[in-house]
Amino acid sequence: MHYEQGKGCTTPQKVDAALKRHWGRYAKRVPATQFTLDQVKMAIENAKKKRTCCQDALPAPGITDAFLLISRLIEGKKD
C-alpha cells in the first residue's frame, strides 16, 4: 500500500484495488520472501510520513500504526 502512500484508500474495496494495481496476484497472506528488506523499509518510511500528518490517537481510515510493529521486529532481528 505504501508504494503510493495509500492516498484515497479509505475503504477495504479501495485498498484491495490499489494493492492489485501493484501486485496483480494480491492475496491476504504473503510469503516471507515476497518483499526485500529495502522495500519493507521504504514502506515503513512512507507509512511514517502519512501517520505524521495525522495527530489523532486513533488514525483515520487509510492510516495505520502497523509500521511501528514492523519497525520493532526489524530492529530486533539479528543477521
Protein backbone atom coordinates (compact mmCIF):
# COMPACT_ATOMS: atom_id res chain seq x y z
CA MET A 1 0.00 0.00 0.00
CA HIS A 2 2.83 2.36 0.69
CA TYR A 3 4.10 2.32 -2.89
CA GLU A 4 1.54 5.06 -3.44
CA GLN A 5 1.24 6.07 0.21
CA GLY A 6 -2.33 4.77 0.30
CA LYS A 7 -3.82 8.03 -0.93
CA GLY A 8 -7.58 7.77 -1.23
CA CYS A 9 -7.73 4.26 0.19
CA THR A 10 -10.50 4.72 2.71
CA THR A 11 -12.49 1.51 2.23
CA PRO A 12 -11.49 -2.15 2.07
CA GLN A 13 -12.53 -2.23 -1.59
CA LYS A 14 -10.27 0.72 -2.46
CA VAL A 15 -7.38 -0.89 -0.57
CA ASP A 16 -7.82 -4.15 -2.49
CA ALA A 17 -7.98 -2.29 -5.82
CA ALA A 18 -4.79 -0.35 -5.05
CA LEU A 19 -2.96 -3.49 -3.95
CA LYS A 20 -3.97 -5.30 -7.13
CA ARG A 21 -2.59 -2.42 -9.25
CA HIS A 22 0.90 -3.05 -7.86
CA TRP A 23 0.60 -6.73 -7.18
CA GLY A 24 -1.69 -8.49 -9.64
CA ARG A 25 -1.91 -11.68 -7.63
CA TYR A 26 -2.58 -9.97 -4.32
CA ALA A 27 -3.78 -12.25 -1.56
CA LYS A 28 -4.24 -11.51 2.14
CA ARG A 29 -1.39 -13.86 3.09
CA VAL A 30 2.07 -13.33 1.59
CA PRO A 31 5.21 -15.44 1.66
CA ALA A 32 8.01 -14.10 3.86
CA THR A 33 10.23 -13.61 0.81
CA GLN A 34 7.69 -11.61 -1.22
CA PHE A 35 9.40 -8.27 -0.47
CA THR A 36 13.02 -7.30 0.06
CA LEU A 37 14.14 -5.65 3.29
CA ASP A 38 14.72 -2.41 1.36
CA GLN A 39 11.14 -2.48 0.06
CA VAL A 40 9.83 -3.04 3.58
CA LYS A 41 11.93 -0.15 4.91
CA MET A 42 10.64 2.11 2.12
CA ALA A 43 7.06 1.17 3.05
CA ILE A 44 7.80 1.93 6.71
CA GLU A 45 9.13 5.39 5.81
CA ASN A 46 6.05 6.15 3.68
CA ALA A 47 3.75 5.00 6.49
CA LYS A 48 5.64 7.19 8.99
CA LYS A 49 5.17 10.24 6.76
CA LYS A 50 1.48 9.52 6.37
CA ARG A 51 0.96 8.95 10.11
CA THR A 52 2.84 12.15 10.98
CA CYS A 53 0.12 14.09 9.14
CA CYS A 54 -2.49 12.59 11.48
CA GLN A 55 -2.11 13.54 15.14
CA ASP A 56 -5.24 11.67 16.27
CA ALA A 57 -4.76 8.89 18.82
CA LEU A 58 -6.82 6.62 16.60
CA PRO A 59 -5.86 7.08 12.95
CA ALA A 60 -8.44 7.81 10.28
CA PRO A 61 -9.34 5.23 7.61
CA GLY A 62 -6.41 4.56 5.32
CA ILE A 63 -3.84 5.23 8.06
CA THR A 64 -2.31 2.55 10.24
CA ASP A 65 0.24 2.18 13.01
CA ALA A 66 1.27 -1.31 11.88
CA PHE A 67 4.58 0.14 10.66
CA LEU A 68 5.58 0.63 14.31
CA LEU A 69 5.35 -3.11 14.92
CA ILE A 70 7.25 -3.94 11.75
CA SER A 71 9.99 -1.42 12.66
CA ARG A 72 10.42 -3.02 16.08
CA LEU A 73 10.54 -6.51 14.57
CA ILE A 74 13.25 -5.42 12.13
CA GLU A 75 15.26 -3.72 14.89
CA GLY A 76 15.15 -6.92 16.95
CA LYS A 77 16.22 -9.13 14.05
CA LYS A 78 19.87 -10.13 14.13
CA ASP A 79 21.58 -11.09 10.86
